[in-house]
Protein backbone atom coordinates (compact mmCIF):
# COMPACT_ATOMS: atom_id res chain seq x y z
CA MET A 1 -4.10 -15.78 -20.74
CA LEU A 2 -5.80 -13.02 -22.67
CA PHE A 3 -5.71 -9.31 -22.08
CA THR A 4 -6.82 -5.90 -23.39
CA ARG A 5 -4.68 -2.83 -22.75
CA ALA A 6 -7.38 -1.06 -20.70
CA GLY A 7 -8.27 -4.19 -18.78
CA LEU A 8 -4.64 -5.01 -17.91
CA GLU A 9 -3.89 -1.43 -16.80
CA GLN A 10 -6.77 -1.61 -14.26
CA SER A 11 -6.39 -5.28 -13.26
CA THR A 12 -5.19 -6.49 -9.85
CA SER A 13 -1.73 -8.06 -9.75
CA GLU A 14 -1.62 -11.76 -9.18
CA ALA A 15 0.19 -11.53 -5.82
CA LEU A 16 -2.29 -9.01 -4.50
CA ALA A 17 -5.31 -10.90 -5.77
CA ARG A 18 -4.11 -14.12 -4.07
CA HIS A 19 -3.53 -12.25 -0.84
CA ARG A 20 -7.08 -10.82 -0.91
CA ALA A 21 -8.72 -14.11 -1.95
CA LYS A 22 -7.69 -15.63 1.36
CA ARG A 23 -10.40 -13.52 3.01
CA PHE A 24 -13.07 -15.39 1.10
CA ALA A 25 -11.82 -18.93 1.69
CA GLY A 26 -14.56 -21.23 2.96
CA LEU A 27 -17.37 -18.73 2.66
CA GLY A 28 -19.15 -20.41 -0.24
CA ARG A 29 -20.52 -18.77 -3.38
CA VAL A 30 -18.71 -15.51 -4.13
CA ALA A 31 -19.77 -12.80 -6.54
CA ASP A 32 -17.08 -10.80 -8.40
CA LEU A 33 -18.74 -7.57 -9.53
CA CYS A 34 -17.11 -5.39 -12.17
CA THR A 35 -14.98 -8.41 -13.05
CA GLY A 36 -12.89 -6.78 -15.80
CA ILE A 37 -10.39 -9.25 -17.33
CA GLY A 38 -10.42 -11.38 -14.15
CA GLY A 39 -7.43 -10.30 -12.07
CA ASP A 40 -9.33 -11.13 -8.89
CA LEU A 41 -11.59 -13.77 -10.39
CA LEU A 42 -8.63 -16.12 -11.15
CA ALA A 43 -7.42 -15.91 -7.51
CA LEU A 44 -10.95 -16.57 -6.24
CA ALA A 45 -11.32 -19.49 -8.66
CA ALA A 46 -8.20 -21.06 -7.21
CA THR A 47 -9.95 -21.36 -3.84
CA GLY A 48 -12.36 -23.89 -5.31
CA GLN A 49 -15.50 -22.00 -4.43
CA PRO A 50 -18.41 -21.41 -6.89
CA LEU A 51 -18.34 -17.97 -8.40
CA VAL A 52 -20.61 -15.41 -10.04
CA ALA A 53 -18.81 -13.05 -12.43
CA VAL A 54 -20.65 -9.85 -13.49
CA ASP A 55 -19.50 -7.25 -16.01
CA ARG A 56 -21.35 -5.24 -18.63
CA ASP A 57 -18.44 -5.58 -21.16
CA PRO A 58 -19.03 -8.89 -22.93
CA GLY A 59 -15.45 -9.06 -24.24
CA HIS A 60 -13.85 -8.53 -20.84
CA LEU A 61 -16.24 -11.05 -19.27
CA ARG A 62 -15.27 -13.77 -21.74
CA ILE A 63 -11.58 -13.01 -21.19
CA ALA A 64 -12.08 -13.11 -17.39
CA VAL A 65 -13.68 -16.60 -17.48
CA HIS A 66 -10.89 -17.84 -19.85
CA ASN A 67 -8.19 -16.44 -17.59
CA ALA A 68 -9.75 -17.95 -14.50
CA HIS A 69 -9.91 -21.39 -16.13
CA VAL A 70 -6.21 -21.14 -16.97
CA TYR A 71 -5.59 -21.24 -13.21
CA ALA A 72 -8.53 -23.41 -12.19
CA PRO A 73 -9.81 -25.43 -15.18
CA THR A 74 -12.73 -26.93 -13.28
CA ALA A 75 -13.87 -23.73 -11.56
CA ALA A 76 -17.68 -23.23 -11.54
CA ILE A 77 -18.27 -19.71 -12.87
CA ASP A 78 -21.69 -18.24 -13.53
CA ALA A 79 -20.83 -15.42 -15.97
CA ARG A 80 -23.44 -12.66 -16.33
CA CYS A 81 -23.14 -9.81 -18.81
CA GLU A 82 -25.12 -7.05 -17.18
CA ASP A 83 -24.87 -3.91 -15.09
CA VAL A 84 -23.84 -4.92 -11.57
CA ARG A 85 -26.72 -2.88 -10.16
CA ALA A 86 -29.05 -5.40 -11.69
CA ALA A 87 -27.23 -8.46 -10.42
CA ASP A 88 -29.30 -11.03 -8.53
CA LEU A 89 -27.26 -11.98 -5.43
CA THR A 90 -29.60 -14.71 -4.26
CA GLY A 91 -27.50 -17.54 -2.84
CA VAL A 92 -24.33 -15.44 -2.76
CA ARG A 93 -22.40 -15.59 0.50
CA ALA A 94 -19.78 -12.97 -0.23
CA VAL A 95 -19.16 -10.11 -2.68
CA PHE A 96 -16.04 -8.50 -4.08
CA VAL A 97 -16.55 -5.35 -6.10
CA ASP A 98 -13.91 -3.41 -8.08
CA PRO A 99 -15.71 -0.21 -9.24
CA ALA A 100 -14.18 1.75 -12.13
CA ARG A 101 -12.09 4.71 -11.01
CA ARG A 102 -11.49 6.17 -14.43
CA SER A 103 -13.35 6.65 -17.76
CA GLY A 104 -11.08 6.28 -20.70
CA ALA A 105 -7.97 8.39 -19.99
CA ARG A 106 -9.75 10.48 -17.30
CA ARG A 107 -9.17 9.45 -13.72
CA PHE A 108 -11.90 10.09 -11.15
CA SER A 109 -11.09 12.19 -8.06
CA PRO A 110 -10.20 10.25 -4.84
CA GLY A 111 -13.30 8.55 -3.46
CA ALA A 112 -15.23 8.76 -6.78
CA SER A 113 -16.02 5.60 -8.74
CA GLU A 114 -18.63 3.93 -10.94
CA PRO A 115 -20.71 2.48 -9.34
CA PRO A 116 -20.34 5.07 -6.54
CA LEU A 117 -18.69 4.06 -3.27
CA ASP A 118 -22.01 4.46 -1.37
CA TRP A 119 -23.60 1.82 -3.57
CA CYS A 120 -20.67 -0.52 -3.05
CA LEU A 121 -20.76 -0.11 0.69
CA ALA A 122 -24.54 -0.61 0.78
CA LEU A 123 -24.00 -4.16 -0.65
CA ALA A 124 -23.34 -5.18 2.96
CA GLU A 125 -27.10 -4.73 3.62
CA ARG A 126 -27.76 -7.53 1.10
CA VAL A 127 -24.71 -9.79 1.65
CA PRO A 128 -22.84 -9.36 4.99
CA ALA A 129 -19.37 -10.31 3.65
CA VAL A 130 -18.27 -7.50 1.25
CA ALA A 131 -14.88 -6.31 0.04
CA VAL A 132 -14.40 -3.18 -2.08
CA LYS A 133 -11.28 -2.31 -4.00
CA ALA A 134 -10.35 1.38 -3.74
CA ALA A 135 -7.63 3.80 -4.69
CA PRO A 136 -4.92 4.28 -2.03
CA GLY A 137 -5.78 7.97 -1.88
CA LEU A 138 -9.35 7.28 -0.72
CA PRO A 139 -10.36 9.69 2.08
CA THR A 140 -10.67 7.39 5.06
CA GLU A 141 -13.58 9.38 6.48
CA LEU A 142 -15.75 7.96 3.67
CA VAL A 143 -15.50 4.42 5.18
CA PRO A 144 -18.20 3.58 7.71
CA PRO A 145 -17.39 2.63 11.31
CA GLY A 146 -16.83 -1.10 11.80
CA TRP A 147 -15.22 -1.55 8.36
CA GLU A 148 -11.51 -2.33 7.97
CA ILE A 149 -9.25 -0.46 5.58
CA GLU A 150 -6.21 -2.31 4.22
CA PHE A 151 -3.48 -0.46 2.37
CA VAL A 152 -1.28 -2.67 0.22
CA ALA A 153 2.24 -1.94 -1.05
CA ASP A 154 4.27 -4.00 -3.49
CA GLY A 155 7.80 -3.41 -2.19
CA ARG A 156 7.92 0.39 -1.66
CA ASP A 157 5.09 1.12 -4.16
CA LEU A 158 1.63 1.75 -2.62
CA LYS A 159 -0.81 -0.04 -4.93
CA GLU A 160 -4.34 0.14 -3.51
CA ALA A 161 -6.71 0.15 -0.61
CA ALA A 162 -9.34 -2.49 0.19
CA LEU A 163 -12.38 -2.03 2.37
CA TYR A 164 -13.85 -4.98 4.29
CA SER A 165 -17.28 -5.10 5.86
CA PRO A 166 -17.54 -6.14 9.57
CA ALA A 167 -18.19 -9.73 8.57
CA LEU A 168 -14.78 -9.91 6.89
CA THR A 169 -12.69 -7.94 9.43
CA SER A 170 -10.27 -9.39 11.94
CA GLY A 171 -10.95 -6.92 14.79
CA ALA A 172 -8.65 -4.08 13.65
CA SER A 173 -9.81 -1.03 11.73
CA ARG A 174 -6.59 -0.49 9.84
CA ARG A 175 -4.14 -2.85 8.18
CA ALA A 176 -0.87 -2.30 6.26
CA THR A 177 0.24 -5.11 4.02
CA VAL A 178 3.56 -5.39 2.15
CA LEU A 179 3.85 -7.95 -0.64
CA LEU A 180 7.23 -9.65 -0.39
CA ALA A 181 9.50 -10.56 -3.33
CA SER A 182 10.97 -13.57 -1.55
CA GLY A 183 10.79 -15.54 1.68
CA ALA A 184 8.53 -18.12 3.20
CA ALA A 185 5.52 -15.78 3.39
CA PRO A 186 4.11 -13.96 0.28
CA ALA A 187 3.08 -10.94 2.38
CA ALA A 188 3.56 -9.30 5.76
CA THR A 189 0.66 -7.57 7.55
CA LEU A 190 0.55 -5.03 10.37
CA ALA A 191 -2.83 -4.42 11.98
CA GLY A 192 -4.05 -2.02 14.62
CA GLU A 193 -5.85 1.18 15.31
CA PRO A 194 -4.70 4.47 13.67
CA ASP A 195 -2.45 6.81 15.54
CA PRO A 196 -4.11 9.39 17.76
CA PRO A 197 -4.81 12.70 15.94
CA ASP A 198 -3.21 14.68 18.77
CA PRO A 199 0.55 14.87 18.10
CA GLY A 200 1.13 15.33 21.81
CA ALA A 201 0.03 11.76 22.44
CA ARG A 202 2.88 10.30 20.30
CA THR A 203 6.26 9.07 21.54
CA VAL A 204 8.84 11.59 20.41
CA SER A 205 12.49 12.00 21.37
CA ASP A 206 15.99 12.60 20.03
CA PRO A 207 17.33 10.34 17.29
CA GLY A 208 19.01 7.05 18.24
CA ALA A 209 21.63 5.17 16.23
CA PHE A 210 19.20 3.85 13.60
CA LEU A 211 16.44 5.33 11.42
CA TYR A 212 13.39 3.56 9.97
CA ASP A 213 11.64 4.81 6.85
CA PRO A 214 8.21 3.15 7.04
CA SER A 215 6.46 1.60 4.08
CA PRO A 216 3.89 3.94 2.46
CA ALA A 217 1.26 1.28 3.39
CA VAL A 218 2.11 1.87 7.10
CA THR A 219 2.00 5.65 6.83
CA ARG A 220 -1.20 5.67 4.83
CA ALA A 221 -2.84 3.31 7.32
CA GLY A 222 -1.86 5.60 10.19
CA LEU A 223 0.09 2.79 11.89
CA VAL A 224 3.45 4.44 12.43
CA GLY A 225 2.85 4.37 16.21
CA THR A 226 1.93 0.67 16.07
CA LEU A 227 5.12 -0.09 14.16
CA GLY A 228 7.13 1.98 16.57
CA ARG A 229 5.84 -0.05 19.54
CA GLN A 230 6.68 -3.26 17.70
CA LEU A 231 10.21 -2.09 17.04
CA GLU A 232 10.69 -0.29 20.37
CA ALA A 233 11.28 2.82 18.30
CA TRP A 234 10.04 6.39 18.55
CA GLN A 235 9.45 9.38 16.26
CA ILE A 236 11.85 12.27 15.95
CA ASP A 237 9.03 14.71 15.20
CA PRO A 238 5.31 14.26 15.99
CA MET A 239 4.32 15.17 12.44
CA ILE A 240 6.96 13.16 10.57
CA ALA A 241 6.68 9.38 9.97
CA PHE A 242 10.37 8.50 10.43
CA LEU A 243 11.13 6.23 13.41
CA THR A 244 14.41 5.83 15.27
CA SER A 245 15.89 3.42 17.84
CA ASP A 246 19.14 2.53 19.58
CA GLN A 247 19.06 -1.10 18.50
CA PRO A 248 18.39 -2.34 14.91
CA VAL A 249 15.38 -4.59 14.24
CA ASP A 250 14.81 -5.97 10.78
CA THR A 251 11.27 -5.46 9.58
CA PRO A 252 9.42 -5.78 6.25
CA PHE A 253 7.49 -2.62 7.11
CA ALA A 254 10.35 -0.12 6.90
CA ARG A 255 13.72 0.47 5.36
CA LEU A 256 16.39 0.36 8.06
CA LEU A 257 19.34 2.82 7.99
CA ARG A 258 22.27 3.48 10.25
CA ILE A 259 22.63 7.15 11.20
CA GLU A 260 26.24 8.18 10.67
CA THR A 261 25.77 11.92 11.24
CA SER A 262 22.86 13.96 12.60
CA LEU A 263 22.96 17.74 12.07
CA PRO A 264 20.84 20.82 11.31
CA PHE A 265 20.05 21.04 7.61
CA ASP A 266 22.66 23.04 5.73
CA VAL A 267 23.43 22.28 2.10
CA ARG A 268 27.03 23.59 2.16
CA ARG A 269 27.91 21.72 5.30
CA LEU A 270 26.31 18.49 3.96
CA ALA A 271 28.16 18.79 0.67
CA ALA A 272 31.48 19.25 2.45
CA LEU A 273 30.78 16.23 4.65
CA LEU A 274 29.91 13.99 1.69
CA ARG A 275 33.13 14.92 -0.06
CA THR A 276 35.15 13.67 2.94
CA MET A 277 33.29 10.31 3.05
CA GLY A 278 34.34 9.05 -0.40
CA ILE A 279 30.84 7.84 -1.23
CA SER A 280 29.94 5.56 -4.15
CA ALA A 281 26.24 6.47 -4.42
CA LEU A 282 23.87 9.12 -3.05
CA ASP A 283 20.13 8.69 -2.39
CA LEU A 284 17.97 11.54 -1.04
CA ARG A 285 14.82 11.19 1.08
CA ARG A 286 12.69 14.16 2.04
CA ARG A 287 9.78 14.45 4.49
CA GLY A 288 8.53 17.66 6.03
CA LEU A 289 10.88 19.94 4.06
CA ALA A 290 10.22 21.86 0.88
CA GLY A 291 12.62 21.81 -2.00
CA ASP A 292 13.23 20.01 -5.24
CA VAL A 293 15.16 16.74 -4.77
CA ASP A 294 16.97 16.95 -8.10
CA THR A 295 18.15 20.50 -7.39
CA LEU A 296 19.36 19.47 -3.90
CA ARG A 297 21.16 16.44 -5.39
CA ARG A 298 23.05 18.69 -7.81
CA ARG A 299 24.06 21.03 -4.93
CA LEU A 300 25.21 18.17 -2.73
CA LEU A 301 26.99 16.31 -5.52
CA PRO A 302 27.78 18.83 -8.30
CA ASP A 303 30.22 16.49 -10.04
CA ARG A 304 29.47 12.79 -10.34
CA ARG A 305 33.18 12.19 -10.83
CA GLU A 306 33.49 12.73 -7.08
CA LEU A 307 31.88 9.28 -6.54
CA VAL A 308 34.38 6.74 -5.37
CA PRO A 309 33.98 3.09 -6.51
CA GLY A 310 33.79 0.76 -3.47
CA GLY A 311 32.92 3.60 -1.16
CA PRO A 312 29.80 3.65 1.07
CA ALA A 313 26.37 4.17 -0.47
CA VAL A 314 24.88 7.07 1.47
CA THR A 315 21.30 8.17 2.01
CA VAL A 316 20.73 11.78 3.08
CA VAL A 317 17.42 12.14 4.89
CA MET A 318 16.02 15.67 4.95
CA THR A 319 13.30 16.21 7.56
CA ARG A 320 12.38 18.14 10.74
CA HIS A 321 13.49 17.68 14.31
CA HIS A 322 12.64 20.02 17.25
CA ASP A 323 10.59 21.97 14.63
CA GLN A 324 13.79 22.71 12.71
CA PRO A 325 15.06 21.60 9.30
CA TRP A 326 17.31 18.61 9.96
CA ALA A 327 19.44 16.11 8.10
CA PHE A 328 20.64 12.58 8.70
CA VAL A 329 23.53 11.11 6.78
CA CYS A 330 22.87 7.39 6.74
CA THR A 331 24.27 4.06 5.38
CA SER A 332 22.46 0.81 5.00
CA ARG A 333 22.71 -1.41 7.99
């Protein structure tokens, strides 16, 4: 395969591109607009469908076609070096567009791109099946009704959002996808409607024996409530995304922790408790509380020589409960 630094930095990962390409399977001729070096083109080529690749950078376009043929040597690719606004979409059954979200070293503000998001969304008036790659920080109110927004995380790292026109949706307006490092399936997906804006409509109660730290794809998609219903779990605070339950349920959509101690947040009390536990490692998680994590770590564990080899690895979760600063001392299940 061939790359340029700029092209590789903005290219879709192989696992994510393959996940997205499944949406286009069986649709027929697909246009990949703003092709770049072909991160998505190579996954689309592997589906065996005829493709149109459009990019105004002749070097990137040649690299994209080369890279796609590494994966699918016989792929039929109509490469066009032109501005995507001038692209003739006659005979095209579906469109994927990855607009630029930066110029050189300058990143555009969330929701800004070139071509603009409005132009990308308007492609659905010409070709019903349209997917648009977007930054994960995209303001969701910019997406028209009837479109689906999918937030994708690779492990715990939130990578991007993708917008799907009504012809490509599966009935839900939000989707959270986690790419998996191993297992039978390459990705896990949670779909549903976003949580109600009224905090009073959410299921909130005291903490149980276990704590779930949802994937950033789940929180960004607004599907914490959907995940809670799936796990028979509830929130400890209506404004905080942590979930809790009495029984543990393994899930790819959250990190599962066992709550060893639950107490009002107090640095001195926490530090004293940790010294008695003989811990081997300390991880800090913070949601809903101000404060610098590194400073708090130094106050909780001022001397790393206090770590005990073979002792429990502990996660201290700093958050809010009953509208008060709260802490959970947790171990992995």
